[in-house]
C-alpha atoms as a PDB file:
ATOM      1  CA  UNK A   1     -87.239 -84.584-109.599  1.00  0.00           C
ATOM      2  CA  UNK A   2     -89.787 -87.257-109.874  1.00  0.00           C
ATOM      3  CA  UNK A   3     -88.340 -90.792-110.283  1.00  0.00           C
ATOM      4  CA  UNK A   4     -91.424 -92.301-111.768  1.00  0.00           C
ATOM      5  CA  UNK A   5     -92.034 -92.779-115.484  1.00  0.00           C
ATOM      6  CA  UNK A   6     -94.591 -89.966-115.578  1.00  0.00           C
ATOM      7  CA  UNK A   7     -92.919 -86.562-114.839  1.00  0.00           C
ATOM      8  CA  UNK A   8     -94.605 -84.232-112.469  1.00  0.00           C
ATOM      9  CA  UNK A   9     -96.289 -81.325-114.078  1.00  0.00           C
ATOM     10  CA  UNK A  10     -95.595 -77.747-112.887  1.00  0.00           C
ATOM     11  CA  UNK A  11     -97.617 -74.737-113.991  1.00  0.00           C
ATOM     12  CA  UNK A  12     -95.576 -71.527-114.231  1.00  0.00           C
ATOM     13  CA  UNK A  13     -97.834 -68.450-113.721  1.00  0.00           C
ATOM     14  CA  UNK A  14     -95.674 -65.481-114.593  1.00  0.00           C
ATOM     15  CA  UNK A  15     -96.386 -62.546-116.841  1.00  0.00           C
ATOM     16  CA  UNK A  16     -92.691 -61.588-117.420  1.00  0.00           C
ATOM     17  CA  UNK A  17     -91.779 -63.524-120.572  1.00  0.00           C
ATOM     18  CA  UNK A  18     -88.071 -63.714-119.972  1.00  0.00           C
ATOM     19  CA  UNK A  19     -88.438 -64.931-116.424  1.00  0.00           C
ATOM     20  CA  UNK A  20     -91.162 -67.455-117.474  1.00  0.00           C
ATOM     21  CA  UNK A  21     -88.866 -68.846-120.169  1.00  0.00           C
ATOM     22  CA  UNK A  22     -85.943 -69.082-117.736  1.00  0.00           C
ATOM     23  CA  UNK A  23     -88.019 -71.022-115.189  1.00  0.00           C
ATOM     24  CA  UNK A  24     -89.277 -73.356-117.872  1.00  0.00           C
ATOM     25  CA  UNK A  25     -85.765 -73.981-119.160  1.00  0.00           C
ATOM     26  CA  UNK A  26     -84.674 -75.017-115.655  1.00  0.00           C
ATOM     27  CA  UNK A  27     -87.780 -77.206-115.141  1.00  0.00           C
ATOM     28  CA  UNK A  28     -87.056 -78.935-118.418  1.00  0.00           C
ATOM     29  CA  UNK A  29     -83.469 -79.593-117.396  1.00  0.00           C
ATOM     30  CA  UNK A  30     -84.832 -81.232-114.187  1.00  0.00           C
ATOM     31  CA  UNK A  31     -87.162 -83.468-116.050  1.00  0.00           C
ATOM     32  CA  UNK A  32     -90.419 -81.800-115.143  1.00  0.00           C
ATOM     33  CA  UNK A  33     -93.377 -81.391-117.483  1.00  0.00           C
ATOM     34  CA  UNK A  34     -94.422 -77.744-117.488  1.00  0.00           C
ATOM     35  CA  UNK A  35     -96.877 -75.224-118.834  1.00  0.00           C
ATOM     36  CA  UNK A  36     -96.824 -71.390-118.747  1.00  0.00           C
ATOM     37  CA  UNK A  37     -99.599 -68.899-118.232  1.00  0.00           C
ATOM     38  CA  UNK A  38     -99.235 -65.191-118.126  1.00  0.00           C
ATOM     39  CA  UNK A  39    -102.809 -64.074-117.421  1.00  0.00           C
ATOM     40  CA  UNK A  40    -104.355 -64.646-113.960  1.00  0.00           C
ATOM     41  CA  UNK A  41    -107.810 -65.257-115.388  1.00  0.00           C
ATOM     42  CA  UNK A  42    -106.588 -68.406-117.223  1.00  0.00           C
ATOM     43  CA  UNK A  43    -105.131 -70.163-114.226  1.00  0.00           C
ATOM     44  CA  UNK A  44    -108.161 -71.683-112.408  1.00  0.00           C
ATOM     45  CA  UNK A  45    -109.734 -73.191-115.604  1.00  0.00           C
ATOM     46  CA  UNK A  46    -106.348 -74.725-116.555  1.00  0.00           C
ATOM     47  CA  UNK A  47    -105.749 -76.197-113.040  1.00  0.00           C
ATOM     48  CA  UNK A  48    -109.242 -77.689-113.023  1.00  0.00           C
ATOM     49  CA  UNK A  49    -108.681 -79.400-116.312  1.00  0.00           C
ATOM     50  CA  UNK A  50    -105.083 -80.507-116.018  1.00  0.00           C
ATOM     51  CA  UNK A  51    -104.429 -80.972-112.285  1.00  0.00           C
ATOM     52  CA  UNK A  52    -100.786 -80.048-112.026  1.00  0.00           C
ATOM     53  CA  UNK A  53     -98.552 -81.177-109.256  1.00  0.00           C
ATOM     54  CA  UNK A  54     -97.261 -77.675-108.311  1.00  0.00           C
ATOM     55  CA  UNK A  55     -97.969 -74.104-109.238  1.00  0.00           C
ATOM     56  CA  UNK A  56     -95.257 -71.433-109.352  1.00  0.00           C
ATOM     57  CA  UNK A  57     -97.606 -68.444-108.850  1.00  0.00           C
ATOM     58  CA  UNK A  58     -96.543 -64.828-109.387  1.00  0.00           C
ATOM     59  CA  UNK A  59     -98.297 -62.390-107.157  1.00  0.00           C
ATOM     60  CA  UNK A  60     -98.721 -59.448-109.568  1.00  0.00           C
ATOM     61  CA  UNK A  61    -100.613 -60.694-112.606  1.00  0.00           C
ATOM     62  CA  UNK A  62    -103.022 -59.114-115.185  1.00  0.00           C
ATOM     63  CA  UNK A  63    -106.577 -60.164-114.863  1.00  0.00           C
ATOM     64  CA  UNK A  64    -106.468 -61.640-111.359  1.00  0.00           C
ATOM     65  CA  UNK A  65    -103.719 -61.323-108.778  1.00  0.00           C
ATOM     66  CA  UNK A  66    -101.883 -64.268-107.186  1.00  0.00           C
ATOM     67  CA  UNK A  67    -103.441 -63.997-103.813  1.00  0.00           C
ATOM     68  CA  UNK A  68    -106.956 -64.198-105.207  1.00  0.00           C
ATOM     69  CA  UNK A  69    -105.863 -67.164-107.345  1.00  0.00           C
ATOM     70  CA  UNK A  70    -104.295 -68.925-104.346  1.00  0.00           C
ATOM     71  CA  UNK A  71    -107.493 -68.371-102.292  1.00  0.00           C
ATOM     72  CA  UNK A  72    -109.695 -69.834-105.104  1.00  0.00           C
ATOM     73  CA  UNK A  73    -107.359 -72.794-105.706  1.00  0.00           C
ATOM     74  CA  UNK A  74    -107.608 -73.781-102.043  1.00  0.00           C
ATOM     75  CA  UNK A  75    -111.376 -74.099-102.376  1.00  0.00           C
ATOM     76  CA  UNK A  76    -111.084 -77.154-104.622  1.00  0.00           C
ATOM     77  CA  UNK A  77    -107.435 -78.267-104.806  1.00  0.00           C
ATOM     78  CA  UNK A  78    -104.511 -79.135-102.552  1.00  0.00           C
ATOM     79  CA  UNK A  79    -101.913 -78.580-105.345  1.00  0.00           C
ATOM     80  CA  UNK A  80     -98.614 -77.379-103.970  1.00  0.00           C
ATOM     81  CA  UNK A  81     -98.180 -73.648-104.439  1.00  0.00           C
ATOM     82  CA  UNK A  82     -95.006 -71.581-104.413  1.00  0.00           C
ATOM     83  CA  UNK A  83     -95.664 -67.855-104.592  1.00  0.00           C
ATOM     84  CA  UNK A  84     -93.223 -65.619-106.509  1.00  0.00           C
ATOM     85  CA  UNK A  85     -93.244 -61.829-105.898  1.00  0.00           C
ATOM     86  CA  UNK A  86     -91.245 -58.682-105.894  1.00  0.00           C
ATOM     87  CA  UNK A  87     -93.247 -57.520-102.837  1.00  0.00           C
ATOM     88  CA  UNK A  88     -91.133 -57.915 -99.720  1.00  0.00           C
ATOM     89  CA  UNK A  89     -93.561 -56.534 -97.176  1.00  0.00           C
ATOM     90  CA  UNK A  90     -94.109 -58.959 -94.228  1.00  0.00           C
ATOM     91  CA  UNK A  91     -97.883 -58.614 -94.503  1.00  0.00           C
ATOM     92  CA  UNK A  92     -97.880 -59.997 -98.031  1.00  0.00           C
ATOM     93  CA  UNK A  93     -95.696 -62.896 -97.092  1.00  0.00           C
ATOM     94  CA  UNK A  94     -97.963 -63.875 -94.161  1.00  0.00           C
ATOM     95  CA  UNK A  95    -101.117 -63.349 -96.183  1.00  0.00           C
ATOM     96  CA  UNK A  96     -99.802 -65.513 -98.992  1.00  0.00           C
ATOM     97  CA  UNK A  97     -98.961 -68.338 -96.605  1.00  0.00           C
ATOM     98  CA  UNK A  98    -102.170 -68.018 -94.612  1.00  0.00           C
ATOM     99  CA  UNK A  99    -104.190 -68.399 -97.856  1.00  0.00           C
ATOM    100  CA  UNK A 100    -102.582 -71.854 -98.322  1.00  0.00           C
ATOM    101  CA  UNK A 101     -99.331 -71.276-100.212  1.00  0.00           C
ATOM    102  CA  UNK A 102     -96.671 -73.913 -99.406  1.00  0.00           C
ATOM    103  CA  UNK A 103     -93.690 -71.613 -99.870  1.00  0.00           C
ATOM    104  CA  UNK A 104     -92.886 -68.038-100.808  1.00  0.00           C
ATOM    105  CA  UNK A 105     -89.861 -66.664-102.773  1.00  0.00           C
ATOM    106  CA  UNK A 106     -89.083 -63.008-103.243  1.00  0.00           C
ATOM    107  CA  UNK A 107     -87.709 -61.674-106.524  1.00  0.00           C
ATOM    108  CA  UNK A 108     -84.945 -61.458-107.567  1.00  0.00           C
ATOM    109  CA  UNK A 109     -84.199 -65.082-106.948  1.00  0.00           C
ATOM    110  CA  UNK A 110     -81.899 -67.758-108.302  1.00  0.00           C
ATOM    111  CA  UNK A 111     -83.762 -70.302-110.560  1.00  0.00           C
ATOM    112  CA  UNK A 112     -81.615 -72.931-108.766  1.00  0.00           C
ATOM    113  CA  UNK A 113     -83.146 -71.868-105.518  1.00  0.00           C
ATOM    114  CA  UNK A 114     -86.647 -72.294-106.982  1.00  0.00           C
ATOM    115  CA  UNK A 115     -85.706 -75.812-108.170  1.00  0.00           C
ATOM    116  CA  UNK A 116     -84.387 -76.609-104.679  1.00  0.00           C
ATOM    117  CA  UNK A 117     -87.655 -75.435-103.116  1.00  0.00           C
ATOM    118  CA  UNK A 118     -89.598 -77.551-105.605  1.00  0.00           C
ATOM    119  CA  UNK A 119     -87.666 -80.640-104.758  1.00  0.00           C
ATOM    120  CA  UNK A 120     -88.070 -80.007-101.019  1.00  0.00           C
ATOM    121  CA  UNK A 121     -91.851 -79.741-101.417  1.00  0.00           C
ATOM    122  CA  UNK A 122     -92.026 -82.937-103.488  1.00  0.00           C
ATOM    123  CA  UNK A 123     -89.880 -84.858-100.956  1.00  0.00           C
ATOM    124  CA  UNK A 124     -92.316 -83.764 -98.184  1.00  0.00           C
ATOM    125  CA  UNK A 125     -95.339 -84.823-100.303  1.00  0.00           C
ATOM    126  CA  UNK A 126     -93.731 -88.198-101.148  1.00  0.00           C
ATOM    127  CA  UNK A 127     -93.135 -88.876 -97.421  1.00  0.00           C
ATOM    128  CA  UNK A 128     -96.752 -88.062 -96.576  1.00  0.00           C
ATOM    129  CA  UNK A 129     -97.924 -90.347 -99.384  1.00  0.00           C
ATOM    130  CA  UNK A 130     -95.935 -93.327 -98.136  1.00  0.00           C
ATOM    131  CA  UNK A 131     -98.214 -95.978 -96.605  1.00  0.00           C
ATOM    132  CA  UNK A 132     -97.834 -95.928 -92.829  1.00  0.00           C
ATOM    133  CA  UNK A 133     -96.576 -99.153 -91.295  1.00  0.00           C
ATOM    134  CA  UNK A 134     -99.190-100.982 -89.264  1.00  0.00           C
ATOM    135  CA  UNK A 135     -98.808-100.502 -85.567  1.00  0.00           C
ATOM    136  CA  UNK A 136     -97.455-103.556 -83.951  1.00  0.00           C
ATOM    137  CA  UNK A 137     -96.988-104.759 -80.338  1.00  0.00           C
ATOM    138  CA  UNK A 138     -98.506-103.526 -77.133  1.00  0.00           C
ATOM    139  CA  UNK A 139     -98.983 -99.856 -76.410  1.00  0.00           C
ATOM    140  CA  UNK A 140    -100.188 -98.652 -73.040  1.00  0.00           C
ATOM    141  CA  UNK A 141    -101.454 -95.075 -72.648  1.00  0.00           C
ATOM    142  CA  UNK A 142    -102.023 -94.511 -68.865  1.00  0.00           C
ATOM    143  CA  UNK A 143    -103.303 -90.977 -69.226  1.00  0.00           C
ATOM    144  CA  UNK A 144    -106.136 -92.315 -71.482  1.00  0.00           C
ATOM    145  CA  UNK A 145    -106.520 -95.592 -69.561  1.00  0.00           C
ATOM    146  CA  UNK A 146    -106.193 -97.359 -72.929  1.00  0.00           C
ATOM    147  CA  UNK A 147    -104.200-100.311 -74.249  1.00  0.00           C
ATOM    148  CA  UNK A 148    -103.783-101.086 -77.894  1.00  0.00           C
ATOM    149  CA  UNK A 149    -102.402-104.259 -79.330  1.00  0.00           C
ATOM    150  CA  UNK A 150    -101.215-104.319 -82.931  1.00  0.00           C
ATOM    151  CA  UNK A 151    -103.101-101.033 -83.364  1.00  0.00           C
ATOM    152  CA  UNK A 152    -106.396-102.382 -81.966  1.00  0.00           C
ATOM    153  CA  UNK A 153    -107.880-101.424 -78.634  1.00  0.00           C
ATOM    154  CA  UNK A 154    -108.121-103.964 -75.819  1.00  0.00           C
ATOM    155  CA  UNK A 155    -111.362-103.974 -73.869  1.00  0.00           C
ATOM    156  CA  UNK A 156    -109.966-104.413 -70.388  1.00  0.00           C
ATOM    157  CA  UNK A 157    -111.469-104.137 -66.959  1.00  0.00           C
ATOM    158  CA  UNK A 158    -109.850-101.701 -64.532  1.00  0.00           C
ATOM    159  CA  UNK A 159    -108.001-104.522 -62.782  1.00  0.00           C
ATOM    160  CA  UNK A 160    -106.826-106.050 -66.033  1.00  0.00           C
ATOM    161  CA  UNK A 161    -105.613-102.680 -67.129  1.00  0.00           C
ATOM    162  CA  UNK A 162    -103.640-102.270 -63.916  1.00  0.00           C
ATOM    163  CA  UNK A 163    -101.979-105.659 -64.270  1.00  0.00           C
ATOM    164  CA  UNK A 164    -101.032-105.210 -67.896  1.00  0.00           C
ATOM    165  CA  UNK A 165     -99.970-101.602 -67.350  1.00  0.00           C
ATOM    166  CA  UNK A 166     -97.610-102.720 -64.561  1.00  0.00           C
ATOM    167  CA  UNK A 167     -96.100-105.428 -66.584  1.00  0.00           C
ATOM    168  CA  UNK A 168     -95.717-103.248 -69.696  1.00  0.00           C
ATOM    169  CA  UNK A 169     -93.732-100.712 -67.610  1.00  0.00           C
ATOM    170  CA  UNK A 170     -90.826-103.276 -67.469  1.00  0.00           C
ATOM    171  CA  UNK A 171     -91.167-105.720 -70.372  1.00  0.00           C
ATOM    172  CA  UNK A 172     -89.215-108.954 -69.757  1.00  0.00           C
ATOM    173  CA  UNK A 173     -89.312-108.584 -65.992  1.00  0.00           C
ATOM    174  CA  UNK A 174     -90.866-111.465 -64.136  1.00  0.00           C
ATOM    175  CA  UNK A 175     -93.678-110.378 -61.736  1.00  0.00           C
ATOM    176  CA  UNK A 176     -94.618-112.632 -58.900  1.00  0.00           C
ATOM    177  CA  UNK A 177     -98.260-113.371 -58.106  1.00  0.00           C
ATOM    178  CA  UNK A 178     -97.831-111.568 -54.851  1.00  0.00           C
ATOM    179  CA  UNK A 179     -96.704-108.319 -56.724  1.00  0.00           C
ATOM    180  CA  UNK A 180     -99.608-108.642 -59.130  1.00  0.00           C
ATOM    181  CA  UNK A 181    -101.979-109.113 -56.232  1.00  0.00           C
ATOM    182  CA  UNK A 182    -101.253-105.439 -55.302  1.00  0.00           C
ATOM    183  CA  UNK A 183    -103.217-104.462 -58.431  1.00  0.00           C
ATOM    184  CA  UNK A 184    -106.246-106.150 -56.986  1.00  0.00           C
ATOM    185  CA  UNK A 185    -105.839-104.962 -53.336  1.00  0.00           C
ATOM    186  CA  UNK A 186    -105.846-101.398 -54.546  1.00  0.00           C
ATOM    187  CA  UNK A 187    -109.539-101.931 -55.198  1.00  0.00           C
ATOM    188  CA  UNK A 188    -110.111-103.273 -51.711  1.00  0.00           C
ATOM    189  CA  UNK A 189    -110.743-106.765 -53.017  1.00  0.00           C
ATOM    190  CA  UNK A 190    -110.077-109.880 -51.063  1.00  0.00           C
ATOM    191  CA  UNK A 191    -107.929-111.610 -53.632  1.00  0.00           C
ATOM    192  CA  UNK A 192    -105.797-114.784 -54.022  1.00  0.00           C
ATOM    193  CA  UNK A 193    -103.232-116.244 -56.361  1.00  0.00           C
ATOM    194  CA  UNK A 194    -106.151-117.899 -58.173  1.00  0.00           C
ATOM    195  CA  UNK A 195    -107.693-114.442 -58.789  1.00  0.00           C
ATOM    196  CA  UNK A 196    -104.438-113.271 -60.419  1.00  0.00           C
ATOM    197  CA  UNK A 197    -104.406-116.363 -62.606  1.00  0.00           C
ATOM    198  CA  UNK A 198    -107.997-115.672 -63.689  1.00  0.00           C
ATOM    199  CA  UNK A 199    -107.244-112.069 -64.679  1.00  0.00           C
ATOM    200  CA  UNK A 200    -104.123-113.213 -66.589  1.00  0.00           C
ATOM    201  CA  UNK A 201    -106.208-115.836 -68.380  1.00  0.00           C
ATOM    202  CA  UNK A 202    -108.761-113.189 -69.362  1.00  0.00           C
ATOM    203  CA  UNK A 203    -106.075-110.774 -70.610  1.00  0.00           C
ATOM    204  CA  UNK A 204    -104.501-113.608 -72.693  1.00  0.00           C
ATOM    205  CA  UNK A 205    -107.910-114.351 -74.206  1.00  0.00           C
ATOM    206  CA  UNK A 206    -108.374-110.776 -75.297  1.00  0.00           C
ATOM    207  CA  UNK A 207    -104.861-110.532 -76.667  1.00  0.00           C
ATOM    208  CA  UNK A 208    -105.407-113.722 -78.637  1.00  0.00           C
ATOM    209  CA  UNK A 209    -108.500-112.386 -80.275  1.00  0.00           C
ATOM    210  CA  UNK A 210    -106.348-109.691 -81.876  1.00  0.00           C
ATOM    211  CA  UNK A 211    -103.304-111.868 -82.627  1.00  0.00           C
ATOM    212  CA  UNK A 212    -103.835-115.627 -82.046  1.00  0.00           C
ATOM    213  CA  UNK A 213    -100.379-116.451 -83.445  1.00  0.00           C
ATOM    214  CA  UNK A 214     -98.246-114.711 -80.803  1.00  0.00           C
ATOM    215  CA  UNK A 215     -98.283-115.059 -77.054  1.00  0.00           C
ATOM    216  CA  UNK A 216     -96.659-112.147 -75.229  1.00  0.00           C
ATOM    217  CA  UNK A 217     -97.943-112.925 -71.694  1.00  0.00           C
ATOM    218  CA  UNK A 218     -95.720-115.693 -70.516  1.00  0.00           C
ATOM    219  CA  UNK A 219     -95.939-117.959 -67.480  1.00  0.00           C
ATOM    220  CA  UNK A 220     -92.746-118.426 -65.607  1.00  0.00           C
ATOM    221  CA  UNK A 221     -93.136-121.763 -63.660  1.00  0.00           C
ATOM    222  CA  UNK A 222     -93.110-121.342 -59.821  1.00  0.00           C
ATOM    223  CA  UNK A 223     -92.675-117.648 -59.968  1.00  0.00           C
ATOM    224  CA  UNK A 224     -95.308-115.651 -61.892  1.00  0.00           C
ATOM    225  CA  UNK A 225     -95.643-113.923 -65.259  1.00  0.00           C
ATOM    226  CA  UNK A 226     -93.813-111.675 -67.576  1.00  0.00           C
ATOM    227  CA  UNK A 227     -94.595-109.656 -70.614  1.00  0.00           C
ATOM    228  CA  UNK A 228     -92.378-110.192 -73.633  1.00  0.00           C
ATOM    229  CA  UNK A 229     -90.847-106.926 -74.962  1.00  0.00           C
END
């Protein structure tokens, strides 16, 4: 059930009047707005005009069958679709889902089960609609040779990547200059403590361009450097 002031709208496409009325009674009790159609030819124009949140779609309909309706709906709409049918053959089930249906319920069914399936789909859609939290912190992806800081890529040299990748493997650990020098010797460079300090300075500068208010690469006096976790 939708918790917002505007109830979600569900279109019931079912040509059996008693079943259609039963489904609408349950939808009403759950607080959903609803509309019923019994002719397949009326579905597409109604959906285009009213844009429901979900369609309960019978497979066997006069005018146009449910599979054809589902196929056409998916050419212009991502409305949630639950297909209802008395057909139990596996090929129909797979075909219905391959055409873009979100769920499939075989008759006879319990209206309570239908309501539970509807709620499950809306919970999934609500989770997908939630704004994602911005990525924070440092993320190293060795297989891609990439580093991202607060969601933004760091443009690092090969040596800078090696240093930062090493320190990120054990956040909070203090790395001596001699240990960090190994990252430079791997390239056959003739390096010194001063070279390590220069690389650290460059990494800090690039980090600060993304987040100037937080320093995560810390100097440990007389020992070396550590990366805050």
